Amino acid sequence: FPVTIKGAVAIVKLLFEDKPQLLTHLKLDQLNGEKDLYLFNLSIPNQNHIASIALTKKGGHLLWFLEERTLGTKKYTFKQGEEIASDFLKQKKYSDMKMIKGQQFNAIAEYTFVRTVDNVLIYPERVIVKVALDRGDVIGLSAKEYVFANKSRTIKEPKLTIQQLTAKLDQETKLINSRLAIIESLDLKELLVYELILKRDQADYRMFVNAETGEEESVQ
């Protein structure tokens, strides 16, 4: 269903309800040639503190937001930042999300989450959350992949077992961990795969193997 400007403003106010100072100067930008989203700019006058947020006009889904401000001294750990990001997603109704990757840049930590269905990782449904470790607040979210890939799924049982796949590994390759996942192929078809974390010659790497055919889909 289409969302009106008034409805979009209400969504933005709800998202930033814990940062009311940003809402005092809320501006809607009209993007040339961009008909499918609302883009808002928020700012605090005379301060280096701005934010932008994009919502879809259909459904009012949050595509992304980014807040920029002067950062202070880091007071929160990387692990605490992960908990803050996870709590934020739960509060914003992103359910069954699992953190799969994290990295830190000075006082900013970035965490990648994907949705899970029956303990299967749904890689197309991905969000990235940025946390400022000085105040412990969320200052960024990228959810475009999640918005456009989110749907109800029935996960089939894999035709092959992990034992059948690992039996093909050579003696110099050690299996560290494995789990089921959904990934997209190059032609954008969804595939059920085993994600294998392997070690060979003191180096760890990740391999996605088709759970139906046993074919290697990608190596990272």
N, C-alpha and C. Protein backbone atom coordinates (compact mmCIF):
# COMPACT_ATOMS: atom_id res chain seq x y z
N PHE A 1 0.84 -1.19 0.00
CA PHE A 1 0.00 0.00 0.00
C PHE A 1 0.88 1.25 0.00
N PRO A 2 0.47 2.30 -0.69
CA PRO A 2 1.28 3.53 -0.73
C PRO A 2 1.19 4.30 0.59
N VAL A 3 2.30 4.92 0.94
CA VAL A 3 2.38 5.72 2.16
C VAL A 3 2.41 7.20 1.79
N THR A 4 1.58 8.00 2.45
CA THR A 4 1.56 9.44 2.20
C THR A 4 2.75 10.10 2.85
N ILE A 5 3.00 11.35 2.49
CA ILE A 5 4.08 12.11 3.13
C ILE A 5 3.84 12.20 4.64
N LYS A 6 2.59 12.42 5.02
CA LYS A 6 2.26 12.50 6.45
C LYS A 6 2.60 11.19 7.15
N GLY A 7 2.29 10.06 6.50
CA GLY A 7 2.61 8.76 7.08
C GLY A 7 4.11 8.53 7.16
N ALA A 8 4.83 8.98 6.13
CA ALA A 8 6.29 8.82 6.14
C ALA A 8 6.92 9.64 7.25
N VAL A 9 6.42 10.85 7.47
CA VAL A 9 6.93 11.69 8.56
C VAL A 9 6.71 11.01 9.91
N ALA A 10 5.57 10.37 10.07
CA ALA A 10 5.28 9.66 11.32
C ALA A 10 6.26 8.51 11.55
N ILE A 11 6.61 7.81 10.47
CA ILE A 11 7.57 6.71 10.57
C ILE A 11 8.95 7.23 10.99
N VAL A 12 9.36 8.36 10.39
CA VAL A 12 10.65 8.95 10.73
C VAL A 12 10.67 9.37 12.20
N LYS A 13 9.60 9.98 12.66
CA LYS A 13 9.53 10.42 14.06
C LYS A 13 9.60 9.24 15.01
N LEU A 14 9.00 8.12 14.61
CA LEU A 14 9.05 6.93 15.44
C LEU A 14 10.47 6.37 15.49
N LEU A 15 11.15 6.37 14.34
CA LEU A 15 12.51 5.85 14.27
C LEU A 15 13.47 6.67 15.14
N PHE A 16 13.30 7.98 15.12
CA PHE A 16 14.21 8.87 15.85
C PHE A 16 13.58 9.40 17.14
N GLU A 17 12.67 8.66 17.73
CA GLU A 17 12.00 9.14 18.93
C GLU A 17 12.97 9.33 20.10
N ASP A 18 14.09 8.62 20.07
CA ASP A 18 15.08 8.78 21.13
C ASP A 18 16.07 9.90 20.83
N LYS A 19 15.90 10.59 19.68
CA LYS A 19 16.77 11.70 19.31
C LYS A 19 15.91 12.88 18.86
N PRO A 20 15.09 13.41 19.77
CA PRO A 20 14.11 14.44 19.38
C PRO A 20 14.74 15.71 18.82
N GLN A 21 16.01 15.99 19.20
CA GLN A 21 16.63 17.21 18.71
C GLN A 21 16.81 17.19 17.19
N LEU A 22 16.95 15.99 16.62
CA LEU A 22 17.09 15.89 15.17
C LEU A 22 15.76 16.14 14.45
N LEU A 23 14.68 15.91 15.15
CA LEU A 23 13.37 16.04 14.53
C LEU A 23 12.89 17.48 14.43
N THR A 24 13.60 18.40 15.08
CA THR A 24 13.15 19.79 15.05
C THR A 24 13.36 20.43 13.68
N HIS A 25 14.27 19.87 12.90
CA HIS A 25 14.50 20.37 11.54
C HIS A 25 14.45 19.18 10.57
N LEU A 26 13.22 18.83 10.20
CA LEU A 26 12.98 17.68 9.34
C LEU A 26 12.57 18.18 7.97
N LYS A 27 13.31 17.77 6.94
CA LYS A 27 13.09 18.28 5.59
C LYS A 27 12.94 17.12 4.62
N LEU A 28 11.94 17.21 3.76
CA LEU A 28 11.74 16.21 2.71
C LEU A 28 12.42 16.69 1.44
N ASP A 29 13.32 15.87 0.91
CA ASP A 29 14.01 16.19 -0.35
C ASP A 29 13.29 15.52 -1.52
N GLN A 30 13.13 16.24 -2.60
CA GLN A 30 12.59 15.67 -3.83
C GLN A 30 13.76 15.32 -4.75
N LEU A 31 13.93 14.04 -5.00
CA LEU A 31 15.05 13.60 -5.82
C LEU A 31 14.63 13.54 -7.29
N ASN A 32 15.43 14.10 -8.14
CA ASN A 32 15.13 14.06 -9.57
C ASN A 32 15.11 12.63 -10.07
N GLY A 33 13.98 12.23 -10.67
CA GLY A 33 13.88 10.90 -11.24
C GLY A 33 13.64 9.79 -10.24
N GLU A 34 13.58 10.13 -8.97
CA GLU A 34 13.36 9.10 -7.93
C GLU A 34 11.91 9.17 -7.47
N LYS A 35 11.10 8.23 -7.93
CA LYS A 35 9.67 8.26 -7.66
C LYS A 35 9.23 7.24 -6.62
N ASP A 36 10.13 6.36 -6.21
CA ASP A 36 9.73 5.23 -5.38
C ASP A 36 10.09 5.38 -3.91
N LEU A 37 10.71 6.49 -3.53
CA LEU A 37 11.09 6.63 -2.12
C LEU A 37 10.96 8.07 -1.65
N TYR A 38 10.88 8.19 -0.34
CA TYR A 38 10.96 9.49 0.33
C TYR A 38 12.34 9.61 0.94
N LEU A 39 12.99 10.74 0.75
CA LEU A 39 14.29 10.99 1.36
C LEU A 39 14.17 12.20 2.28
N PHE A 40 14.48 12.00 3.56
CA PHE A 40 14.41 13.07 4.55
C PHE A 40 15.80 13.45 5.02
N ASN A 41 16.01 14.73 5.26
CA ASN A 41 17.21 15.23 5.90
C ASN A 41 16.84 15.81 7.26
N LEU A 42 17.65 15.49 8.25
CA LEU A 42 17.44 16.00 9.59
C LEU A 42 18.72 16.68 10.04
N SER A 43 18.60 17.72 10.84
CA SER A 43 19.81 18.42 11.27
C SER A 43 19.55 19.20 12.55
N ILE A 44 20.64 19.49 13.25
CA ILE A 44 20.62 20.40 14.40
C ILE A 44 21.37 21.65 13.98
N PRO A 45 20.70 22.80 13.94
CA PRO A 45 21.35 24.03 13.47
C PRO A 45 22.61 24.36 14.27
N ASN A 46 23.62 24.86 13.55
CA ASN A 46 24.87 25.32 14.15
C ASN A 46 25.67 24.21 14.82
N GLN A 47 25.35 22.96 14.50
CA GLN A 47 26.12 21.84 15.02
C GLN A 47 26.46 20.90 13.87
N ASN A 48 27.58 20.21 14.04
CA ASN A 48 27.98 19.22 13.04
C ASN A 48 27.24 17.92 13.30
N HIS A 49 25.91 17.97 13.12
CA HIS A 49 25.07 16.82 13.45
C HIS A 49 23.93 16.76 12.45
N ILE A 50 24.01 15.83 11.51
CA ILE A 50 22.99 15.69 10.47
C ILE A 50 22.63 14.22 10.31
N ALA A 51 21.50 13.97 9.66
CA ALA A 51 21.10 12.60 9.39
C ALA A 51 20.24 12.58 8.13
N SER A 52 20.22 11.46 7.45
CA SER A 52 19.36 11.28 6.29
C SER A 52 18.71 9.91 6.40
N ILE A 53 17.51 9.82 5.85
CA ILE A 53 16.76 8.58 5.95
C ILE A 53 15.93 8.39 4.69
N ALA A 54 15.87 7.16 4.19
CA ALA A 54 15.11 6.85 2.98
C ALA A 54 14.06 5.79 3.30
N LEU A 55 12.82 6.06 2.88
CA LEU A 55 11.70 5.13 3.05
C LEU A 55 11.09 4.83 1.69
N THR A 56 10.59 3.63 1.52
CA THR A 56 9.87 3.32 0.29
C THR A 56 8.49 3.96 0.36
N LYS A 57 8.02 4.44 -0.78
CA LYS A 57 6.66 4.98 -0.82
C LYS A 57 5.63 3.86 -0.72
N LYS A 58 5.99 2.69 -1.20
CA LYS A 58 5.10 1.53 -1.09
C LYS A 58 5.43 0.79 0.21
N GLY A 59 4.54 0.91 1.16
CA GLY A 59 4.72 0.20 2.43
C GLY A 59 5.46 0.96 3.50
N GLY A 60 6.17 2.04 3.13
CA GLY A 60 6.90 2.82 4.12
C GLY A 60 8.05 2.07 4.77
N HIS A 61 8.70 1.20 4.00
CA HIS A 61 9.81 0.41 4.56
C HIS A 61 11.09 1.24 4.62
N LEU A 62 11.82 1.07 5.69
CA LEU A 62 13.09 1.77 5.85
C LEU A 62 14.16 1.13 4.98
N LEU A 63 14.71 1.90 4.05
CA LEU A 63 15.80 1.39 3.20
C LEU A 63 17.16 1.63 3.84
N TRP A 64 17.35 2.83 4.35
CA TRP A 64 18.60 3.14 5.03
C TRP A 64 18.49 4.44 5.81
N PHE A 65 19.33 4.58 6.81
CA PHE A 65 19.52 5.89 7.42
C PHE A 65 20.98 6.01 7.86
N LEU A 66 21.44 7.23 7.89
CA LEU A 66 22.82 7.50 8.27
C LEU A 66 22.87 8.80 9.06
N GLU A 67 23.45 8.73 10.23
CA GLU A 67 23.61 9.90 11.10
C GLU A 67 25.10 10.24 11.17
N GLU A 68 25.42 11.51 11.01
CA GLU A 68 26.80 11.97 11.07
C GLU A 68 26.92 13.02 12.16
N ARG A 69 27.86 12.80 13.06
CA ARG A 69 28.13 13.76 14.14
C ARG A 69 29.56 13.61 14.60
N THR A 70 30.02 14.55 15.39
CA THR A 70 31.37 14.48 15.96
C THR A 70 31.41 13.37 17.00
N LEU A 71 32.37 12.47 16.88
CA LEU A 71 32.48 11.34 17.79
C LEU A 71 33.38 11.67 18.97
N GLY A 72 33.02 11.14 20.14
CA GLY A 72 33.84 11.32 21.33
C GLY A 72 34.71 10.10 21.58
N THR A 73 35.21 10.00 22.80
CA THR A 73 36.07 8.88 23.19
C THR A 73 35.25 7.59 23.29
N LYS A 74 35.80 6.52 22.82
CA LYS A 74 35.11 5.23 22.86
C LYS A 74 34.92 4.77 24.30
N LYS A 75 33.66 4.45 24.64
CA LYS A 75 33.32 4.00 25.98
C LYS A 75 32.69 2.60 26.00
N TYR A 76 32.32 2.12 24.83
CA TYR A 76 31.67 0.82 24.73
C TYR A 76 32.57 -0.15 23.97
N THR A 77 32.53 -1.41 24.35
CA THR A 77 33.33 -2.43 23.68
C THR A 77 32.64 -2.87 22.39
N PHE A 78 33.39 -3.57 21.58
CA PHE A 78 32.84 -4.11 20.33
C PHE A 78 31.69 -5.07 20.63
N LYS A 79 31.82 -5.88 21.66
CA LYS A 79 30.77 -6.83 22.05
C LYS A 79 29.53 -6.10 22.51
N GLN A 80 29.70 -5.05 23.30
CA GLN A 80 28.55 -4.26 23.73
C GLN A 80 27.85 -3.62 22.53
N GLY A 81 28.64 -3.20 21.56
CA GLY A 81 28.07 -2.63 20.34
C GLY A 81 27.19 -3.65 19.61
N GLU A 82 27.64 -4.90 19.58
CA GLU A 82 26.85 -5.96 18.95
C GLU A 82 25.50 -6.11 19.65
N GLU A 83 25.51 -6.08 20.97
CA GLU A 83 24.26 -6.20 21.73
C GLU A 83 23.34 -5.01 21.47
N ILE A 84 23.92 -3.83 21.34
CA ILE A 84 23.13 -2.63 21.03
C ILE A 84 22.48 -2.76 19.66
N ALA A 85 23.26 -3.23 18.69
CA ALA A 85 22.74 -3.42 17.33
C ALA A 85 21.63 -4.47 17.31
N SER A 86 21.82 -5.57 18.02
CA SER A 86 20.82 -6.63 18.07
C SER A 86 19.53 -6.15 18.71
N ASP A 87 19.65 -5.41 19.81
CA ASP A 87 18.47 -4.87 20.49
C ASP A 87 17.73 -3.88 19.60
N PHE A 88 18.47 -3.08 18.86
CA PHE A 88 17.87 -2.11 17.94
C PHE A 88 17.02 -2.82 16.90
N LEU A 89 17.55 -3.89 16.33
CA LEU A 89 16.80 -4.63 15.31
C LEU A 89 15.52 -5.23 15.88
N LYS A 90 15.61 -5.75 17.10
CA LYS A 90 14.42 -6.31 17.73
C LYS A 90 13.37 -5.22 17.96
N GLN A 91 13.81 -4.05 18.40
CA GLN A 91 12.89 -2.94 18.65
C GLN A 91 12.21 -2.48 17.36
N LYS A 92 12.93 -2.57 16.25
CA LYS A 92 12.38 -2.13 14.96
C LYS A 92 11.70 -3.27 14.20
N LYS A 93 11.43 -4.37 14.89
CA LYS A 93 10.65 -5.49 14.33
C LYS A 93 11.38 -6.29 13.26
N TYR A 94 12.72 -6.31 13.32
CA TYR A 94 13.48 -7.24 12.49
C TYR A 94 13.68 -8.50 13.33
N SER A 95 12.91 -9.53 13.01
CA SER A 95 12.91 -10.73 13.86
C SER A 95 13.86 -11.80 13.34
N ASP A 96 14.33 -12.63 14.27
CA ASP A 96 15.16 -13.81 13.95
C ASP A 96 16.42 -13.44 13.18
N MET A 97 17.09 -12.37 13.61
CA MET A 97 18.31 -11.94 12.94
C MET A 97 19.54 -12.49 13.67
N LYS A 98 20.55 -12.87 12.87
CA LYS A 98 21.80 -13.40 13.42
C LYS A 98 22.98 -12.60 12.89
N MET A 99 23.87 -12.21 13.78
CA MET A 99 25.06 -11.47 13.37
C MET A 99 26.06 -12.43 12.74
N ILE A 100 26.51 -12.10 11.52
CA ILE A 100 27.44 -12.99 10.81
C ILE A 100 28.81 -12.36 10.60
N LYS A 101 28.90 -11.04 10.78
CA LYS A 101 30.18 -10.37 10.55
C LYS A 101 30.20 -9.04 11.27
N GLY A 102 31.36 -8.66 11.78
CA GLY A 102 31.50 -7.36 12.43
C GLY A 102 32.89 -6.81 12.22
N GLN A 103 32.98 -5.50 12.19
CA GLN A 103 34.27 -4.84 12.06
C GLN A 103 34.21 -3.48 12.74
N GLN A 104 35.37 -2.96 13.10
CA GLN A 104 35.43 -1.71 13.85
C GLN A 104 36.35 -0.71 13.17
N PHE A 105 35.90 0.55 13.11
CA PHE A 105 36.69 1.64 12.57
C PHE A 105 36.73 2.74 13.63
N ASN A 106 37.83 2.76 14.41
CA ASN A 106 37.96 3.72 15.51
C ASN A 106 36.77 3.59 16.46
N ALA A 107 35.94 4.64 16.56
CA ALA A 107 34.83 4.61 17.52
C ALA A 107 33.52 4.18 16.88
N ILE A 108 33.57 3.62 15.68
CA ILE A 108 32.37 3.13 15.01
C ILE A 108 32.52 1.64 14.75
N ALA A 109 31.49 0.88 15.12
CA ALA A 109 31.47 -0.56 14.84
C ALA A 109 30.34 -0.84 13.86
N GLU A 110 30.59 -1.77 12.96
CA GLU A 110 29.62 -2.12 11.91
C GLU A 110 29.34 -3.62 11.98
N TYR A 111 28.05 -3.97 12.02
CA TYR A 111 27.65 -5.36 12.19
C TYR A 111 26.69 -5.76 11.06
N THR A 112 26.93 -6.93 10.49
CA THR A 112 26.06 -7.46 9.44
C THR A 112 25.22 -8.59 10.02
N PHE A 113 23.91 -8.48 9.83
CA PHE A 113 22.96 -9.49 10.29
C PHE A 113 22.19 -10.05 9.10
N VAL A 114 21.80 -11.32 9.20
CA VAL A 114 20.89 -11.91 8.22
C VAL A 114 19.76 -12.61 8.98
N ARG A 115 18.62 -12.73 8.31
CA ARG A 115 17.49 -13.41 8.94
C ARG A 115 17.71 -14.91 8.92
N THR A 116 17.15 -15.61 9.90
CA THR A 116 17.21 -17.06 9.95
C THR A 116 15.80 -17.64 9.91
N VAL A 117 15.65 -18.75 9.23
CA VAL A 117 14.41 -19.52 9.19
C VAL A 117 14.76 -20.96 9.50
N ASP A 118 14.24 -21.48 10.60
CA ASP A 118 14.55 -22.86 11.01
C ASP A 118 16.06 -23.09 11.07
N ASN A 119 16.78 -22.11 11.61
CA ASN A 119 18.25 -22.17 11.77
C ASN A 119 19.01 -22.13 10.45
N VAL A 120 18.33 -21.79 9.36
CA VAL A 120 18.99 -21.62 8.06
C VAL A 120 19.22 -20.13 7.83
N LEU A 121 20.44 -19.75 7.49
CA LEU A 121 20.76 -18.35 7.24
C LEU A 121 20.21 -17.92 5.89
N ILE A 122 19.48 -16.80 5.85
CA ILE A 122 18.92 -16.28 4.61
C ILE A 122 19.78 -15.09 4.19
N TYR A 123 20.84 -15.35 3.43
CA TYR A 123 21.78 -14.29 3.09
C TYR A 123 21.19 -13.14 2.28
N PRO A 124 20.20 -13.37 1.40
CA PRO A 124 19.63 -12.22 0.69
C PRO A 124 18.96 -11.21 1.62
N GLU A 125 18.48 -11.66 2.79
CA GLU A 125 17.82 -10.76 3.74
C GLU A 125 18.85 -10.26 4.74
N ARG A 126 19.61 -9.27 4.30
CA ARG A 126 20.75 -8.78 5.07
C ARG A 126 20.54 -7.33 5.49
N VAL A 127 20.99 -7.01 6.69
CA VAL A 127 21.02 -5.62 7.15
C VAL A 127 22.39 -5.33 7.75
N ILE A 128 22.81 -4.09 7.66
CA ILE A 128 24.07 -3.64 8.27
C ILE A 128 23.74 -2.53 9.25
N VAL A 129 24.22 -2.67 10.47
CA VAL A 129 23.95 -1.70 11.53
C VAL A 129 25.26 -1.06 11.98
N LYS A 130 25.28 0.28 12.07
CA LYS A 130 26.45 1.00 12.57
C LYS A 130 26.16 1.54 13.97
N VAL A 131 27.09 1.31 14.87
CA VAL A 131 26.94 1.75 16.25
C VAL A 131 28.11 2.65 16.62
N ALA A 132 27.80 3.81 17.21
CA ALA A 132 28.85 4.71 17.72
C ALA A 132 29.21 4.24 19.12
N LEU A 133 30.48 3.92 19.33
CA LEU A 133 30.91 3.34 20.59
C LEU A 133 31.25 4.39 21.65
N ASP A 134 31.03 5.68 21.34
CA ASP A 134 31.21 6.70 22.37
C ASP A 134 29.95 6.85 23.22
N ARG A 135 28.78 6.87 22.57
CA ARG A 135 27.51 6.98 23.28
C ARG A 135 26.73 5.67 23.29
N GLY A 136 27.14 4.73 22.49
CA GLY A 136 26.42 3.47 22.43
C GLY A 136 25.09 3.58 21.73
N ASP A 137 25.03 4.39 20.67
CA ASP A 137 23.77 4.54 19.94
C ASP A 137 23.95 4.14 18.48
N VAL A 138 22.85 3.74 17.86
CA VAL A 138 22.86 3.33 16.46
C VAL A 138 22.86 4.58 15.59
N ILE A 139 23.83 4.67 14.66
CA ILE A 139 23.93 5.85 13.80
C ILE A 139 23.80 5.49 12.32
N GLY A 140 23.51 4.23 12.03
CA GLY A 140 23.35 3.87 10.63
C GLY A 140 22.69 2.52 10.46
N LEU A 141 21.91 2.40 9.40
CA LEU A 141 21.28 1.13 9.05
C LEU A 141 21.13 1.06 7.55
N SER A 142 21.58 -0.04 6.96
CA SER A 142 21.36 -0.31 5.54
C SER A 142 20.51 -1.56 5.43
N ALA A 143 19.28 -1.41 4.89
CA ALA A 143 18.34 -2.53 4.88
C ALA A 143 17.73 -2.76 3.50
N LYS A 144 18.33 -2.22 2.46
CA LYS A 144 17.75 -2.35 1.12
C LYS A 144 17.61 -3.81 0.71
N GLU A 145 18.66 -4.61 0.93
CA GLU A 145 18.60 -6.02 0.55
C GLU A 145 17.50 -6.75 1.30
N TYR A 146 17.38 -6.45 2.59
CA TYR A 146 16.35 -7.08 3.41
C TYR A 146 14.96 -6.74 2.90
N VAL A 147 14.72 -5.46 2.62
CA VAL A 147 13.39 -5.01 2.21
C VAL A 147 12.93 -5.72 0.94
N PHE A 148 13.81 -5.82 -0.04
CA PHE A 148 13.40 -6.36 -1.33
C PHE A 148 13.45 -7.89 -1.40
N ALA A 149 14.13 -8.51 -0.43
CA ALA A 149 14.22 -9.98 -0.44
C ALA A 149 13.30 -10.62 0.59
N ASN A 150 12.78 -9.84 1.53
CA ASN A 150 11.99 -10.40 2.63
C ASN A 150 10.69 -11.01 2.13
N LYS A 151 10.49 -12.27 2.48
CA LYS A 151 9.27 -12.98 2.10
C LYS A 151 9.18 -14.25 2.93
N SER A 152 8.00 -14.87 2.88
CA SER A 152 7.82 -16.14 3.57
C SER A 152 8.48 -17.25 2.76
N ARG A 153 9.21 -18.13 3.44
CA ARG A 153 9.91 -19.22 2.76
C ARG A 153 9.64 -20.55 3.42
N THR A 154 9.56 -21.58 2.60
CA THR A 154 9.53 -22.95 3.09
C THR A 154 10.87 -23.58 2.73
N ILE A 155 11.64 -23.93 3.75
CA ILE A 155 12.97 -24.48 3.51
C ILE A 155 12.87 -26.00 3.35
N LYS A 156 13.30 -26.50 2.19
CA LYS A 156 13.28 -27.93 1.94
C LYS A 156 14.43 -28.62 2.68
N GLU A 157 14.23 -29.89 2.94
CA GLU A 157 15.31 -30.68 3.51
C GLU A 157 16.39 -30.88 2.45
N PRO A 158 17.66 -30.74 2.81
CA PRO A 158 18.74 -30.95 1.82
C PRO A 158 18.79 -32.39 1.36
N LYS A 159 19.07 -32.59 0.09
CA LYS A 159 19.18 -33.95 -0.45
C LYS A 159 20.46 -34.63 0.03
N LEU A 160 21.51 -33.83 0.25
CA LEU A 160 22.79 -34.37 0.67
C LEU A 160 23.04 -34.05 2.14
N THR A 161 23.75 -34.91 2.83
CA THR A 161 24.13 -34.67 4.21
C THR A 161 25.52 -34.03 4.27
N ILE A 162 25.82 -33.42 5.40
CA ILE A 162 27.13 -32.82 5.55
C ILE A 162 28.21 -33.91 5.53
N GLN A 163 27.87 -35.10 6.00
CA GLN A 163 28.83 -36.22 5.99
C GLN A 163 29.18 -36.62 4.55
N GLN A 164 28.19 -36.60 3.67
CA GLN A 164 28.46 -36.94 2.27
C GLN A 164 29.40 -35.93 1.61
N LEU A 165 29.24 -34.66 1.99
CA LEU A 165 30.08 -33.61 1.40
C LEU A 165 31.50 -33.65 1.95
N THR A 166 31.62 -33.80 3.26
CA THR A 166 32.96 -33.77 3.87
C THR A 166 33.76 -35.01 3.52
N ALA A 167 33.08 -36.08 3.13
CA ALA A 167 33.81 -37.30 2.72
C ALA A 167 34.64 -37.05 1.47
N LYS A 168 34.29 -35.99 0.72
CA LYS A 168 35.01 -35.68 -0.51
C LYS A 168 36.23 -34.78 -0.26
N LEU A 169 36.38 -34.27 0.98
CA LEU A 169 37.51 -33.39 1.27
C LEU A 169 38.81 -34.19 1.33
N ASP A 170 39.89 -33.58 0.89
CA ASP A 170 41.17 -34.28 0.98
C ASP A 170 41.68 -34.22 2.42
N GLN A 171 42.68 -35.02 2.73
CA GLN A 171 43.16 -35.17 4.10
C GLN A 171 43.79 -33.89 4.64
N GLU A 172 44.22 -33.00 3.76
CA GLU A 172 44.88 -31.77 4.22
C GLU A 172 43.88 -30.65 4.54
N THR A 173 42.62 -30.90 4.24
CA THR A 173 41.59 -29.89 4.50
C THR A 173 40.75 -30.32 5.69
N LYS A 174 40.62 -29.42 6.68
CA LYS A 174 39.90 -29.73 7.91
C LYS A 174 38.62 -28.89 7.97
N LEU A 175 37.50 -29.55 8.32
CA LEU A 175 36.24 -28.85 8.49
C LEU A 175 36.19 -28.23 9.88
N ILE A 176 36.01 -26.91 9.95
CA ILE A 176 35.92 -26.19 11.23
C ILE A 176 34.47 -26.04 11.67
N ASN A 177 33.60 -25.69 10.72
CA ASN A 177 32.20 -25.48 11.06
C ASN A 177 31.35 -25.63 9.79
N SER A 178 30.06 -25.91 9.98
CA SER A 178 29.16 -25.98 8.83
C SER A 178 27.76 -25.56 9.26
N ARG A 179 26.99 -25.01 8.31
CA ARG A 179 25.61 -24.65 8.57
C ARG A 179 24.89 -24.49 7.23
N LEU A 180 23.57 -24.59 7.26
CA LEU A 180 22.77 -24.44 6.07
C LEU A 180 22.47 -22.96 5.83
N ALA A 181 22.38 -22.59 4.56
CA ALA A 181 22.11 -21.20 4.22
C ALA A 181 21.41 -21.13 2.87
N ILE A 182 20.74 -20.02 2.66
CA ILE A 182 20.18 -19.67 1.35
C ILE A 182 21.03 -18.55 0.78
N ILE A 183 21.53 -18.72 -0.45
CA ILE A 183 22.28 -17.66 -1.13
C ILE A 183 21.66 -17.44 -2.50
N GLU A 184 22.06 -16.35 -3.14
CA GLU A 184 21.61 -16.08 -4.50
C GLU A 184 22.71 -16.46 -5.49
N SER A 185 22.31 -17.10 -6.58
CA SER A 185 23.25 -17.43 -7.65
C SER A 185 23.49 -16.19 -8.50
N LEU A 186 24.38 -16.30 -9.46
CA LEU A 186 24.67 -15.17 -10.34
C LEU A 186 23.45 -14.75 -11.15
N ASP A 187 22.56 -15.70 -11.42
CA ASP A 187 21.34 -15.35 -12.15
C ASP A 187 20.17 -15.07 -11.20
N LEU A 188 20.52 -14.77 -9.92
CA LEU A 188 19.56 -14.31 -8.90
C LEU A 188 18.56 -15.37 -8.48
N LYS A 189 18.90 -16.64 -8.67
CA LYS A 189 18.06 -17.71 -8.15
C LYS A 189 18.54 -18.08 -6.74
N GLU A 190 17.59 -18.38 -5.86
CA GLU A 190 17.96 -18.75 -4.51
C GLU A 190 18.33 -20.23 -4.44
N LEU A 191 19.44 -20.50 -3.75
CA LEU A 191 19.96 -21.87 -3.65
C LEU A 191 20.12 -22.25 -2.18
N LEU A 192 19.77 -23.48 -1.86
CA LEU A 192 20.05 -24.03 -0.53
C LEU A 192 21.46 -24.62 -0.56
N VAL A 193 22.31 -24.14 0.34
CA VAL A 193 23.71 -24.57 0.34
C VAL A 193 24.16 -24.91 1.75
N TYR A 194 25.26 -25.65 1.81
CA TYR A 194 26.01 -25.79 3.04
C TYR A 194 27.12 -24.75 3.03
N GLU A 195 27.18 -23.98 4.09
CA GLU A 195 28.30 -23.05 4.26
C GLU A 195 29.36 -23.76 5.09
N LEU A 196 30.51 -24.00 4.50
CA LEU A 196 31.58 -24.74 5.16
C LEU A 196 32.73 -23.79 5.50
N ILE A 197 33.15 -23.81 6.76
CA ILE A 197 34.37 -23.10 7.16
C ILE A 197 35.48 -24.13 7.22
N LEU A 198 36.49 -23.96 6.38
CA LEU A 198 37.54 -24.96 6.19
C LEU A 198 38.91 -24.38 6.52
N LYS A 199 39.83 -25.26 6.88
CA LYS A 199 41.21 -24.86 7.14
C LYS A 199 42.13 -25.71 6.29
N ARG A 200 43.06 -25.04 5.61
CA ARG A 200 44.05 -25.74 4.80
C ARG A 200 45.32 -24.91 4.79
N ASP A 201 46.44 -25.52 5.06
CA ASP A 201 47.73 -24.83 5.08
C ASP A 201 47.69 -23.61 6.01
N GLN A 202 47.12 -23.78 7.19
CA GLN A 202 47.04 -22.74 8.23
C GLN A 202 46.16 -21.56 7.86
N ALA A 203 45.40 -21.68 6.80
CA ALA A 203 44.53 -20.59 6.35
C ALA A 203 43.08 -21.04 6.39
N ASP A 204 42.20 -20.18 6.92
CA ASP A 204 40.77 -20.47 6.95
C ASP A 204 40.10 -19.87 5.71
N TYR A 205 39.14 -20.57 5.18
CA TYR A 205 38.36 -20.03 4.08
C TYR A 205 36.94 -20.60 4.14
N ARG A 206 36.04 -19.99 3.40
CA ARG A 206 34.63 -20.36 3.42
C ARG A 206 34.20 -20.84 2.04
N MET A 207 33.45 -21.94 2.03
CA MET A 207 32.96 -22.50 0.77
C MET A 207 31.46 -22.73 0.87
N PHE A 208 30.74 -22.36 -0.19
CA PHE A 208 29.32 -22.65 -0.28
C PHE A 208 29.13 -23.81 -1.26
N VAL A 209 28.50 -24.89 -0.78
CA VAL A 209 28.30 -26.09 -1.59
C VAL A 209 26.81 -26.36 -1.71
N ASN A 210 26.33 -26.56 -2.92
CA ASN A 210 24.92 -26.81 -3.18
C ASN A 210 24.45 -28.05 -2.42
N ALA A 211 23.40 -27.88 -1.61
CA ALA A 211 22.91 -28.98 -0.78
C ALA A 211 22.07 -29.97 -1.58
N GLU A 212 21.77 -29.63 -2.84
CA GLU A 212 20.99 -30.53 -3.69
C GLU A 212 21.91 -31.33 -4.61
N THR A 213 22.93 -30.69 -5.15
CA THR A 213 23.77 -31.32 -6.17
C THR A 213 25.18 -31.63 -5.70
N GLY A 214 25.63 -30.97 -4.62
CA GLY A 214 27.00 -31.15 -4.16
C GLY A 214 28.01 -30.31 -4.91
N GLU A 215 27.54 -29.46 -5.84
CA GLU A 215 28.45 -28.61 -6.61
C GLU A 215 28.90 -27.41 -5.78
N GLU A 216 30.13 -27.00 -6.01
CA GLU A 216 30.68 -25.82 -5.35
C GLU A 216 30.08 -24.57 -5.99
N GLU A 217 29.48 -23.70 -5.17
CA GLU A 217 28.87 -22.48 -5.68
C GLU A 217 29.81 -21.28 -5.61
N SER A 218 30.58 -21.19 -4.52
CA SER A 218 31.55 -20.09 -4.39
C SER A 218 32.51 -20.39 -3.25
N VAL A 219 33.66 -19.71 -3.31
CA VAL A 219 34.68 -19.83 -2.26
C VAL A 219 35.11 -18.41 -1.89
N GLN A 220 35.24 -18.19 -0.59
CA GLN A 220 35.65 -16.86 -0.10
C GLN A 220 36.81 -17.00 0.87
